[in-house]
Amino acid sequence: MLKPNVIRVLVLLLSVLAVAISTLPLVILVDLTSGGTGLGVCPDGIESCPRPFTAGAELAIILVIALAIVVAAIRVLMKLSRAQQRRKQPLAAIESESSLPDDQ
């Protein structure tokens, strides 16, 4: 089983990755409007892009799939974390009851 701190770090990293995936279209658009290649979407610039309509759709599909995978991984880690917490709670209750002094 993963330790709680490891799960937290993984969730943080996956959350950062989800934000990066979500902002990628904006970065590509800004690059294209400033005369760039759109991070390789249109190698010769927006004016001579060989496939201006399909490139955006392909990119959108890839980004949606990647974002869905990242969100699913975050959900799995959160469920794993909750399951570990549920397993520890009954143990903590049993330990606290056993540590109570006996009334004699």
PDB file of N, CA and C in Angstrom:
ATOM      1  N   MET A   1       0.827  -1.183   0.000  1.00  0.00           N
ATOM      2  CA  MET A   1       0.000   0.000   0.000  1.00  0.00           C
ATOM      3  C   MET A   1       0.878   1.256   0.000  1.00  0.00           C
ATOM      4  N   LEU A   2       0.356   2.291  -0.609  1.00  0.00           N
ATOM      5  CA  LEU A   2       1.068   3.557  -0.645  1.00  0.00           C
ATOM      6  C   LEU A   2       0.844   4.320   0.656  1.00  0.00           C
ATOM      7  N   LYS A   3       1.863   5.035   1.061  1.00  0.00           N
ATOM      8  CA  LYS A   3       1.740   5.860   2.264  1.00  0.00           C
ATOM      9  C   LYS A   3       0.919   7.102   1.938  1.00  0.00           C
ATOM     10  N   PRO A   4       0.242   7.665   2.942  1.00  0.00           N
ATOM     11  CA  PRO A   4      -0.612   8.841   2.693  1.00  0.00           C
ATOM     12  C   PRO A   4       0.142  10.020   2.068  1.00  0.00           C
ATOM     13  N   ASN A   5       1.369  10.251   2.487  1.00  0.00           N
ATOM     14  CA  ASN A   5       2.128  11.373   1.928  1.00  0.00           C
ATOM     15  C   ASN A   5       2.461  11.139   0.458  1.00  0.00           C
ATOM     16  N   VAL A   6       2.730   9.895   0.097  1.00  0.00           N
ATOM     17  CA  VAL A   6       3.025   9.572  -1.304  1.00  0.00           C
ATOM     18  C   VAL A   6       1.781   9.806  -2.147  1.00  0.00           C
ATOM     19  N   ILE A   7       0.626   9.416  -1.625  1.00  0.00           N
ATOM     20  CA  ILE A   7      -0.625   9.634  -2.350  1.00  0.00           C
ATOM     21  C   ILE A   7      -0.876  11.126  -2.536  1.00  0.00           C
ATOM     22  N   ARG A   8      -0.637  11.915  -1.504  1.00  0.00           N
ATOM     23  CA  ARG A   8      -0.841  13.370  -1.608  1.00  0.00           C
ATOM     24  C   ARG A   8       0.061  13.981  -2.672  1.00  0.00           C
ATOM     25  N   VAL A   9       1.322  13.556  -2.699  1.00  0.00           N
ATOM     26  CA  VAL A   9       2.262  14.088  -3.691  1.00  0.00           C
ATOM     27  C   VAL A   9       1.836  13.681  -5.100  1.00  0.00           C
ATOM     28  N   LEU A  10       1.407  12.429  -5.268  1.00  0.00           N
ATOM     29  CA  LEU A  10       0.950  11.977  -6.580  1.00  0.00           C
ATOM     30  C   LEU A  10      -0.286  12.740  -7.035  1.00  0.00           C
ATOM     31  N   VAL A  11      -1.217  12.983  -6.129  1.00  0.00           N
ATOM     32  CA  VAL A  11      -2.416  13.756  -6.471  1.00  0.00           C
ATOM     33  C   VAL A  11      -2.022  15.183  -6.854  1.00  0.00           C
ATOM     34  N   LEU A  12      -1.095  15.779  -6.132  1.00  0.00           N
ATOM     35  CA  LEU A  12      -0.632  17.125  -6.463  1.00  0.00           C
ATOM     36  C   LEU A  12       0.003  17.162  -7.851  1.00  0.00           C
ATOM     37  N   LEU A  13       0.872  16.194  -8.139  1.00  0.00           N
ATOM     38  CA  LEU A  13       1.524  16.147  -9.448  1.00  0.00           C
ATOM     39  C   LEU A  13       0.510  15.930 -10.568  1.00  0.00           C
ATOM     40  N   LEU A  14      -0.449  15.053 -10.351  1.00  0.00           N
ATOM     41  CA  LEU A  14      -1.473  14.821 -11.365  1.00  0.00           C
ATOM     42  C   LEU A  14      -2.366  16.043 -11.546  1.00  0.00           C
ATOM     43  N   SER A  15      -2.624  16.769 -10.476  1.00  0.00           N
ATOM     44  CA  SER A  15      -3.414  17.999 -10.585  1.00  0.00           C
ATOM     45  C   SER A  15      -2.675  19.058 -11.392  1.00  0.00           C
ATOM     46  N   VAL A  16      -1.384  19.180 -11.157  1.00  0.00           N
ATOM     47  CA  VAL A  16      -0.569  20.124 -11.935  1.00  0.00           C
ATOM     48  C   VAL A  16      -0.564  19.713 -13.407  1.00  0.00           C
ATOM     49  N   LEU A  17      -0.458  18.407 -13.656  1.00  0.00           N
ATOM     50  CA  LEU A  17      -0.490  17.911 -15.024  1.00  0.00           C
ATOM     51  C   LEU A  17      -1.831  18.207 -15.686  1.00  0.00           C
ATOM     52  N   ALA A  18      -2.931  18.062 -14.954  1.00  0.00           N
ATOM     53  CA  ALA A  18      -4.256  18.364 -15.503  1.00  0.00           C
ATOM     54  C   ALA A  18      -4.366  19.842 -15.870  1.00  0.00           C
ATOM     55  N   VAL A  19      -3.835  20.707 -15.037  1.00  0.00           N
ATOM     56  CA  VAL A  19      -3.858  22.142 -15.344  1.00  0.00           C
ATOM     57  C   VAL A  19      -3.005  22.435 -16.574  1.00  0.00           C
ATOM     58  N   ALA A  20      -1.851  21.784 -16.673  1.00  0.00           N
ATOM     59  CA  ALA A  20      -0.982  21.980 -17.835  1.00  0.00           C
ATOM     60  C   ALA A  20      -1.674  21.511 -19.119  1.00  0.00           C
ATOM     61  N   ILE A  21      -2.340  20.369 -19.053  1.00  0.00           N
ATOM     62  CA  ILE A  21      -3.053  19.870 -20.226  1.00  0.00           C
ATOM     63  C   ILE A  21      -4.181  20.824 -20.605  1.00  0.00           C
ATOM     64  N   SER A  22      -4.849  21.375 -19.618  1.00  0.00           N
ATOM     65  CA  SER A  22      -5.959  22.289 -19.887  1.00  0.00           C
ATOM     66  C   SER A  22      -5.496  23.614 -20.490  1.00  0.00           C
ATOM     67  N   THR A  23      -4.310  24.061 -20.137  1.00  0.00           N
ATOM     68  CA  THR A  23      -3.826  25.348 -20.653  1.00  0.00           C
ATOM     69  C   THR A  23      -3.059  25.205 -21.967  1.00  0.00           C
ATOM     70  N   LEU A  24      -2.769  24.002 -22.390  1.00  0.00           N
ATOM     71  CA  LEU A  24      -1.997  23.800 -23.617  1.00  0.00           C
ATOM     72  C   LEU A  24      -2.656  24.421 -24.847  1.00  0.00           C
ATOM     73  N   PRO A  25      -3.976  24.290 -25.058  1.00  0.00           N
ATOM     74  CA  PRO A  25      -4.568  24.949 -26.233  1.00  0.00           C
ATOM     75  C   PRO A  25      -4.371  26.459 -26.238  1.00  0.00           C
ATOM     76  N   LEU A  26      -4.433  27.083 -25.069  1.00  0.00           N
ATOM     77  CA  LEU A  26      -4.214  28.526 -24.995  1.00  0.00           C
ATOM     78  C   LEU A  26      -2.772  28.874 -25.364  1.00  0.00           C
ATOM     79  N   VAL A  27      -1.833  28.085 -24.898  1.00  0.00           N
ATOM     80  CA  VAL A  27      -0.425  28.315 -25.222  1.00  0.00           C
ATOM     81  C   VAL A  27      -0.203  28.170 -26.727  1.00  0.00           C
ATOM     82  N   ILE A  28      -0.813  27.162 -27.327  1.00  0.00           N
ATOM     83  CA  ILE A  28      -0.686  26.952 -28.775  1.00  0.00           C
ATOM     84  C   ILE A  28      -1.295  28.125 -29.532  1.00  0.00           C
ATOM     85  N   LEU A  29      -2.460  28.580 -29.101  1.00  0.00           N
ATOM     86  CA  LEU A  29      -3.117  29.707 -29.763  1.00  0.00           C
ATOM     87  C   LEU A  29      -2.281  30.974 -29.668  1.00  0.00           C
ATOM     88  N   VAL A  30      -1.729  31.246 -28.505  1.00  0.00           N
ATOM     89  CA  VAL A  30      -0.885  32.430 -28.337  1.00  0.00           C
ATOM     90  C   VAL A  30       0.354  32.327 -29.223  1.00  0.00           C
ATOM     91  N   ASP A  31       0.935  31.131 -29.310  1.00  0.00           N
ATOM     92  CA  ASP A  31       2.111  30.939 -30.163  1.00  0.00           C
ATOM     93  C   ASP A  31       1.756  31.155 -31.637  1.00  0.00           C
ATOM     94  N   LEU A  32       0.618  30.641 -32.057  1.00  0.00           N
ATOM     95  CA  LEU A  32       0.206  30.815 -33.456  1.00  0.00           C
ATOM     96  C   LEU A  32      -0.079  32.278 -33.782  1.00  0.00           C
ATOM     97  N   THR A  33      -0.728  33.003 -32.878  1.00  0.00           N
ATOM     98  CA  THR A  33      -1.055  34.404 -33.157  1.00  0.00           C
ATOM     99  C   THR A  33       0.174  35.305 -33.146  1.00  0.00           C
ATOM    100  N   SER A  34       1.223  34.867 -32.478  1.00  0.00           N
ATOM    101  CA  SER A  34       2.444  35.677 -32.474  1.00  0.00           C
ATOM    102  C   SER A  34       3.398  35.267 -33.588  1.00  0.00           C
ATOM    103  N   GLY A  35       2.921  34.455 -34.533  1.00  0.00           N
ATOM    104  CA  GLY A  35       3.739  34.105 -35.686  1.00  0.00           C
ATOM    105  C   GLY A  35       4.528  32.817 -35.530  1.00  0.00           C
ATOM    106  N   GLY A  36       4.277  32.067 -34.493  1.00  0.00           N
ATOM    107  CA  GLY A  36       5.002  30.820 -34.280  1.00  0.00           C
ATOM    108  C   GLY A  36       4.360  29.653 -35.006  1.00  0.00           C
ATOM    109  N   THR A  37       4.831  28.462 -34.670  1.00  0.00           N
ATOM    110  CA  THR A  37       4.325  27.249 -35.316  1.00  0.00           C
ATOM    111  C   THR A  37       3.213  26.580 -34.510  1.00  0.00           C
ATOM    112  N   GLY A  38       2.831  27.143 -33.405  1.00  0.00           N
ATOM    113  CA  GLY A  38       1.799  26.528 -32.569  1.00  0.00           C
ATOM    114  C   GLY A  38       2.293  25.250 -31.938  1.00  0.00           C
ATOM    115  N   LEU A  39       3.549  25.258 -31.503  1.00  0.00           N
ATOM    116  CA  LEU A  39       4.209  24.085 -30.920  1.00  0.00           C
ATOM    117  C   LEU A  39       4.178  22.896 -31.864  1.00  0.00           C
ATOM    118  N   GLY A  40       4.320  23.181 -33.165  1.00  0.00           N
ATOM    119  CA  GLY A  40       4.390  22.114 -34.159  1.00  0.00           C
ATOM    120  C   GLY A  40       3.073  21.773 -34.822  1.00  0.00           C
ATOM    121  N   VAL A  41       1.986  22.398 -34.426  1.00  0.00           N
ATOM    122  CA  VAL A  41       0.695  22.108 -35.059  1.00  0.00           C
ATOM    123  C   VAL A  41       0.719  22.558 -36.516  1.00  0.00           C
ATOM    124  N   CYS A  42       1.233  23.729 -36.768  1.00  0.00           N
ATOM    125  CA  CYS A  42       1.387  24.243 -38.136  1.00  0.00           C
ATOM    126  C   CYS A  42       2.864  24.598 -38.324  1.00  0.00           C
ATOM    127  N   PRO A  43       3.663  23.685 -38.878  1.00  0.00           N
ATOM    128  CA  PRO A  43       5.114  23.898 -38.949  1.00  0.00           C
ATOM    129  C   PRO A  43       5.546  25.163 -39.688  1.00  0.00           C
ATOM    130  N   ASP A  44       4.769  25.599 -40.687  1.00  0.00           N
ATOM    131  CA  ASP A  44       5.159  26.791 -41.450  1.00  0.00           C
ATOM    132  C   ASP A  44       4.347  28.021 -41.070  1.00  0.00           C
ATOM    133  N   GLY A  45       3.667  27.986 -39.937  1.00  0.00           N
ATOM    134  CA  GLY A  45       2.868  29.119 -39.511  1.00  0.00           C
ATOM    135  C   GLY A  45       1.415  28.941 -39.893  1.00  0.00           C
ATOM    136  N   ILE A  46       0.569  29.809 -39.371  1.00  0.00           N
ATOM    137  CA  ILE A  46      -0.880  29.683 -39.559  1.00  0.00           C
ATOM    138  C   ILE A  46      -1.299  29.952 -41.001  1.00  0.00           C
ATOM    139  N   GLU A  47      -0.578  30.811 -41.726  1.00  0.00           N
ATOM    140  CA  GLU A  47      -0.965  31.158 -43.095  1.00  0.00           C
ATOM    141  C   GLU A  47      -0.822  29.973 -44.044  1.00  0.00           C
ATOM    142  N   SER A  48       0.186  29.157 -43.846  1.00  0.00           N
ATOM    143  CA  SER A  48       0.425  28.030 -44.759  1.00  0.00           C
ATOM    144  C   SER A  48       0.281  26.692 -44.057  1.00  0.00           C
ATOM    145  N   CYS A  49      -0.624  26.611 -43.127  1.00  0.00           N
ATOM    146  CA  CYS A  49      -0.848  25.369 -42.404  1.00  0.00           C
ATOM    147  C   CYS A  49      -1.514  24.363 -43.348  1.00  0.00           C
ATOM    148  N   PRO A  50      -0.925  23.187 -43.509  1.00  0.00           N
ATOM    149  CA  PRO A  50      -1.466  22.236 -44.477  1.00  0.00           C
ATOM    150  C   PRO A  50      -2.810  21.641 -44.067  1.00  0.00           C
ATOM    151  N   ARG A  51      -3.127  21.631 -42.812  1.00  0.00           N
ATOM    152  CA  ARG A  51      -4.387  21.035 -42.336  1.00  0.00           C
ATOM    153  C   ARG A  51      -4.927  21.839 -41.154  1.00  0.00           C
ATOM    154  N   PRO A  52      -5.381  23.043 -41.409  1.00  0.00           N
ATOM    155  CA  PRO A  52      -5.782  23.917 -40.308  1.00  0.00           C
ATOM    156  C   PRO A  52      -7.004  23.428 -39.529  1.00  0.00           C
ATOM    157  N   PHE A  53      -7.921  22.715 -40.165  1.00  0.00           N
ATOM    158  CA  PHE A  53      -9.145  22.303 -39.466  1.00  0.00           C
ATOM    159  C   PHE A  53      -8.946  21.000 -38.711  1.00  0.00           C
ATOM    160  N   THR A  54      -8.274  20.046 -39.326  1.00  0.00           N
ATOM    161  CA  THR A  54      -8.113  18.745 -38.675  1.00  0.00           C
ATOM    162  C   THR A  54      -7.066  18.772 -37.578  1.00  0.00           C
ATOM    163  N   ALA A  55      -6.104  19.636 -37.654  1.00  0.00           N
ATOM    164  CA  ALA A  55      -5.062  19.696 -36.619  1.00  0.00           C
ATOM    165  C   ALA A  55      -5.663  20.058 -35.269  1.00  0.00           C
ATOM    166  N   GLY A  56      -6.581  21.002 -35.264  1.00  0.00           N
ATOM    167  CA  GLY A  56      -7.222  21.402 -34.013  1.00  0.00           C
ATOM    168  C   GLY A  56      -8.087  20.302 -33.424  1.00  0.00           C
ATOM    169  N   ALA A  57      -8.816  19.612 -34.285  1.00  0.00           N
ATOM    170  CA  ALA A  57      -9.672  18.526 -33.808  1.00  0.00           C
ATOM    171  C   ALA A  57      -8.844  17.367 -33.260  1.00  0.00           C
ATOM    172  N   GLU A  58      -7.785  17.015 -33.950  1.00  0.00           N
ATOM    173  CA  GLU A  58      -6.901  15.946 -33.469  1.00  0.00           C
ATOM    174  C   GLU A  58      -6.309  16.307 -32.115  1.00  0.00           C
ATOM    175  N   LEU A  59      -5.845  17.529 -32.003  1.00  0.00           N
ATOM    176  CA  LEU A  59      -5.264  17.984 -30.747  1.00  0.00           C
ATOM    177  C   LEU A  59      -6.308  17.971 -29.627  1.00  0.00           C
ATOM    178  N   ALA A  60      -7.512  18.414 -29.929  1.00  0.00           N
ATOM    179  CA  ALA A  60      -8.570  18.433 -28.914  1.00  0.00           C
ATOM    180  C   ALA A  60      -8.891  17.015 -28.433  1.00  0.00           C
ATOM    181  N   ILE A  61      -8.973  16.070 -29.353  1.00  0.00           N
ATOM    182  CA  ILE A  61      -9.263  14.685 -28.977  1.00  0.00           C
ATOM    183  C   ILE A  61      -8.154  14.126 -28.094  1.00  0.00           C
ATOM    184  N   ILE A  62      -6.923  14.362 -28.479  1.00  0.00           N
ATOM    185  CA  ILE A  62      -5.780  13.865 -27.687  1.00  0.00           C
ATOM    186  C   ILE A  62      -5.781  14.484 -26.292  1.00  0.00           C
ATOM    187  N   LEU A  63      -6.028  15.790 -26.211  1.00  0.00           N
ATOM    188  CA  LEU A  63      -6.021  16.468 -24.918  1.00  0.00           C
ATOM    189  C   LEU A  63      -7.179  16.021 -24.026  1.00  0.00           C
ATOM    190  N   VAL A  64      -8.345  15.787 -24.611  1.00  0.00           N
ATOM    191  CA  VAL A  64      -9.487  15.323 -23.816  1.00  0.00           C
ATOM    192  C   VAL A  64      -9.211  13.925 -23.272  1.00  0.00           C
ATOM    193  N   ILE A  65      -8.648  13.054 -24.096  1.00  0.00           N
ATOM    194  CA  ILE A  65      -8.307  11.700 -23.637  1.00  0.00           C
ATOM    195  C   ILE A  65      -7.261  11.759 -22.533  1.00  0.00           C
ATOM    196  N   ALA A  66      -6.228  12.584 -22.738  1.00  0.00           N
ATOM    197  CA  ALA A  66      -5.175  12.705 -21.718  1.00  0.00           C
ATOM    198  C   ALA A  66      -5.742  13.264 -20.414  1.00  0.00           C
ATOM    199  N   LEU A  67      -6.599  14.257 -20.503  1.00  0.00           N
ATOM    200  CA  LEU A  67      -7.197  14.838 -19.303  1.00  0.00           C
ATOM    201  C   LEU A  67      -8.102  13.827 -18.595  1.00  0.00           C
ATOM    202  N   ALA A  68      -8.837  13.033 -19.355  1.00  0.00           N
ATOM    203  CA  ALA A  68      -9.689  12.002 -18.755  1.00  0.00           C
ATOM    204  C   ALA A  68      -8.852  10.957 -18.020  1.00  0.00           C
ATOM    205  N   ILE A  69      -7.722  10.585 -18.590  1.00  0.00           N
ATOM    206  CA  ILE A  69      -6.833   9.612 -17.935  1.00  0.00           C
ATOM    207  C   ILE A  69      -6.278  10.185 -16.640  1.00  0.00           C
ATOM    208  N   VAL A  70      -5.861  11.440 -16.663  1.00  0.00           N
ATOM    209  CA  VAL A  70      -5.309  12.077 -15.465  1.00  0.00           C
ATOM    210  C   VAL A  70      -6.380  12.196 -14.374  1.00  0.00           C
ATOM    211  N   VAL A  71      -7.582  12.600 -14.747  1.00  0.00           N
ATOM    212  CA  VAL A  71      -8.666  12.728 -13.764  1.00  0.00           C
ATOM    213  C   VAL A  71      -9.027  11.357 -13.184  1.00  0.00           C
ATOM    214  N   ALA A  72      -9.042  10.328 -14.029  1.00  0.00           N
ATOM    215  CA  ALA A  72      -9.322   8.977 -13.542  1.00  0.00           C
ATOM    216  C   ALA A  72      -8.246   8.514 -12.564  1.00  0.00           C
ATOM    217  N   ALA A  73      -6.996   8.830 -12.860  1.00  0.00           N
ATOM    218  CA  ALA A  73      -5.906   8.460 -11.948  1.00  0.00           C
ATOM    219  C   ALA A  73      -6.036   9.183 -10.610  1.00  0.00           C
ATOM    220  N   ILE A  74      -6.428  10.452 -10.639  1.00  0.00           N
ATOM    221  CA  ILE A  74      -6.647  11.196  -9.393  1.00  0.00           C
ATOM    222  C   ILE A  74      -7.773  10.557  -8.591  1.00  0.00           C
ATOM    223  N   ARG A  75      -8.858  10.173  -9.262  1.00  0.00           N
ATOM    224  CA  ARG A  75      -9.977   9.533  -8.558  1.00  0.00           C
ATOM    225  C   ARG A  75      -9.559   8.217  -7.925  1.00  0.00           C
ATOM    226  N   VAL A  76      -8.767   7.424  -8.643  1.00  0.00           N
ATOM    227  CA  VAL A  76      -8.300   6.142  -8.095  1.00  0.00           C
ATOM    228  C   VAL A  76      -7.439   6.384  -6.860  1.00  0.00           C
ATOM    229  N   LEU A  77      -6.543   7.361  -6.925  1.00  0.00           N
ATOM    230  CA  LEU A  77      -5.695   7.659  -5.768  1.00  0.00           C
ATOM    231  C   LEU A  77      -6.513   8.156  -4.582  1.00  0.00           C
ATOM    232  N   MET A  78      -7.529   8.969  -4.841  1.00  0.00           N
ATOM    233  CA  MET A  78      -8.363   9.459  -3.741  1.00  0.00           C
ATOM    234  C   MET A  78      -9.175   8.323  -3.114  1.00  0.00           C
ATOM    235  N   LYS A  79      -9.677   7.402  -3.920  1.00  0.00           N
ATOM    236  CA  LYS A  79     -10.401   6.254  -3.370  1.00  0.00           C
ATOM    237  C   LYS A  79      -9.465   5.366  -2.560  1.00  0.00           C
ATOM    238  N   LEU A  80      -8.245   5.204  -3.044  1.00  0.00           N
ATOM    239  CA  LEU A  80      -7.246   4.424  -2.311  1.00  0.00           C
ATOM    240  C   LEU A  80      -6.951   5.079  -0.971  1.00  0.00           C
ATOM    241  N   SER A  81      -6.837   6.399  -0.962  1.00  0.00           N
ATOM    242  CA  SER A  81      -6.579   7.129   0.274  1.00  0.00           C
ATOM    243  C   SER A  81      -7.734   6.974   1.258  1.00  0.00           C
ATOM    244  N   ARG A  82      -8.970   7.088   0.760  1.00  0.00           N
ATOM    245  CA  ARG A  82     -10.133   6.924   1.641  1.00  0.00           C
ATOM    246  C   ARG A  82     -10.219   5.506   2.192  1.00  0.00           C
ATOM    247  N   ALA A  83      -9.903   4.523   1.366  1.00  0.00           N
ATOM    248  CA  ALA A  83      -9.943   3.132   1.828  1.00  0.00           C
ATOM    249  C   ALA A  83      -8.910   2.905   2.930  1.00  0.00           C
ATOM    250  N   GLN A  84      -7.740   3.488   2.777  1.00  0.00           N
ATOM    251  CA  GLN A  84      -6.717   3.360   3.820  1.00  0.00           C
ATOM    252  C   GLN A  84      -7.163   4.041   5.106  1.00  0.00           C
ATOM    253  N   GLN A  85      -7.807   5.197   5.008  1.00  0.00           N
ATOM    254  CA  GLN A  85      -8.292   5.891   6.202  1.00  0.00           C
ATOM    255  C   GLN A  85      -9.370   5.090   6.905  1.00  0.00           C
ATOM    256  N   ARG A  86     -10.258   4.457   6.137  1.00  0.00           N
ATOM    257  CA  ARG A  86     -11.317   3.634   6.748  1.00  0.00           C
ATOM    258  C   ARG A  86     -10.734   2.437   7.485  1.00  0.00           C
ATOM    259  N   ARG A  87      -9.665   1.857   6.920  1.00  0.00           N
ATOM    260  CA  ARG A  87      -9.036   0.719   7.584  1.00  0.00           C
ATOM    261  C   ARG A  87      -8.360   1.133   8.880  1.00  0.00           C
ATOM    262  N   LYS A  88      -7.831   2.336   8.928  1.00  0.00           N
ATOM    263  CA  LYS A  88      -7.120   2.798  10.126  1.00  0.00           C
ATOM    264  C   LYS A  88      -8.076   3.225  11.232  1.00  0.00           C
ATOM    265  N   GLN A  89      -9.248   3.753  10.893  1.00  0.00           N
ATOM    266  CA  GLN A  89     -10.174   4.254  11.908  1.00  0.00           C
ATOM    267  C   GLN A  89     -10.645   3.167  12.865  1.00  0.00           C
ATOM    268  N   PRO A  90     -11.071   1.990  12.425  1.00  0.00           N
ATOM    269  CA  PRO A  90     -11.464   0.964  13.403  1.00  0.00           C
ATOM    270  C   PRO A  90     -10.293   0.528  14.280  1.00  0.00           C
ATOM    271  N   LEU A  91      -9.101   0.474  13.695  1.00  0.00           N
ATOM    272  CA  LEU A  91      -7.932   0.113  14.487  1.00  0.00           C
ATOM    273  C   LEU A  91      -7.658   1.145  15.561  1.00  0.00           C
ATOM    274  N   ALA A  92      -7.806   2.407  15.232  1.00  0.00           N
ATOM    275  CA  ALA A  92      -7.570   3.467  16.206  1.00  0.00           C
ATOM    276  C   ALA A  92      -8.592   3.398  17.332  1.00  0.00           C
ATOM    277  N   ALA A  93      -9.840   3.082  17.001  1.00  0.00           N
ATOM    278  CA  ALA A  93     -10.880   2.973  18.034  1.00  0.00           C
ATOM    279  C   ALA A  93     -10.598   1.789  18.948  1.00  0.00           C
ATOM    280  N   ILE A  94     -10.170   0.680  18.381  1.00  0.00           N
ATOM    281  CA  ILE A  94      -9.858  -0.504  19.192  1.00  0.00           C
ATOM    282  C   ILE A  94      -8.658  -0.229  20.089  1.00  0.00           C
ATOM    283  N   GLU A  95      -7.640   0.430  19.538  1.00  0.00           N
ATOM    284  CA  GLU A  95      -6.445   0.738  20.325  1.00  0.00           C
ATOM    285  C   GLU A  95      -6.772   1.702  21.457  1.00  0.00           C
ATOM    286  N   SER A  96      -7.628   2.693  21.216  1.00  0.00           N
ATOM    287  CA  SER A  96      -7.956   3.647  22.274  1.00  0.00           C
ATOM    288  C   SER A  96      -8.778   2.978  23.375  1.00  0.00           C
ATOM    289  N   GLU A  97      -9.633   2.029  23.006  1.00  0.00           N
ATOM    290  CA  GLU A  97     -10.399   1.308  24.018  1.00  0.00           C
ATOM    291  C   GLU A  97      -9.506   0.408  24.848  1.00  0.00           C
ATOM    292  N   SER A  98      -8.522  -0.215  24.227  1.00  0.00           N
ATOM    293  CA  SER A  98      -7.650  -1.113  24.959  1.00  0.00           C
ATOM    294  C   SER A  98      -6.668  -0.364  25.841  1.00  0.00           C
ATOM    295  N   SER A  99      -6.433   0.911  25.546  1.00  0.00           N
ATOM    296  CA  SER A  99      -5.480   1.674  26.362  1.00  0.00           C
ATOM    297  C   SER A  99      -6.158   2.357  27.558  1.00  0.00           C
ATOM    298  N   LEU A 100      -7.489   2.271  27.647  1.00  0.00           N
ATOM    299  CA  LEU A 100      -8.187   2.849  28.794  1.00  0.00           C
ATOM    300  C   LEU A 100      -7.877   2.053  30.051  1.00  0.00           C
ATOM    301  N   PRO A 101      -7.715   2.729  31.162  1.00  0.00           N
ATOM    302  CA  PRO A 101      -7.440   1.995  32.411  1.00  0.00           C
ATOM    303  C   PRO A 101      -8.664   1.214  32.857  1.00  0.00           C
ATOM    304  N   ASP A 102      -8.434   0.059  33.421  1.00  0.00           N
ATOM    305  CA  ASP A 102      -9.528  -0.793  33.899  1.00  0.00           C
ATOM    306  C   ASP A 102     -10.032  -0.234  35.231  1.00  0.00           C
ATOM    307  N   ASP A 103     -11.347  -0.258  35.409  1.00  0.00           N
ATOM    308  CA  ASP A 103     -11.946   0.165  36.687  1.00  0.00           C
ATOM    309  C   ASP A 103     -11.988  -1.037  37.598  1.00  0.00           C
ATOM    310  N   GLN A 104     -11.116  -1.047  38.574  1.00  0.00           N
ATOM    311  CA  GLN A 104     -11.067  -2.194  39.513  1.00  0.00           C
ATOM    312  C   GLN A 104     -11.277  -1.742  40.910  1.00  0.00           C
TER     313      GLN A 104
END
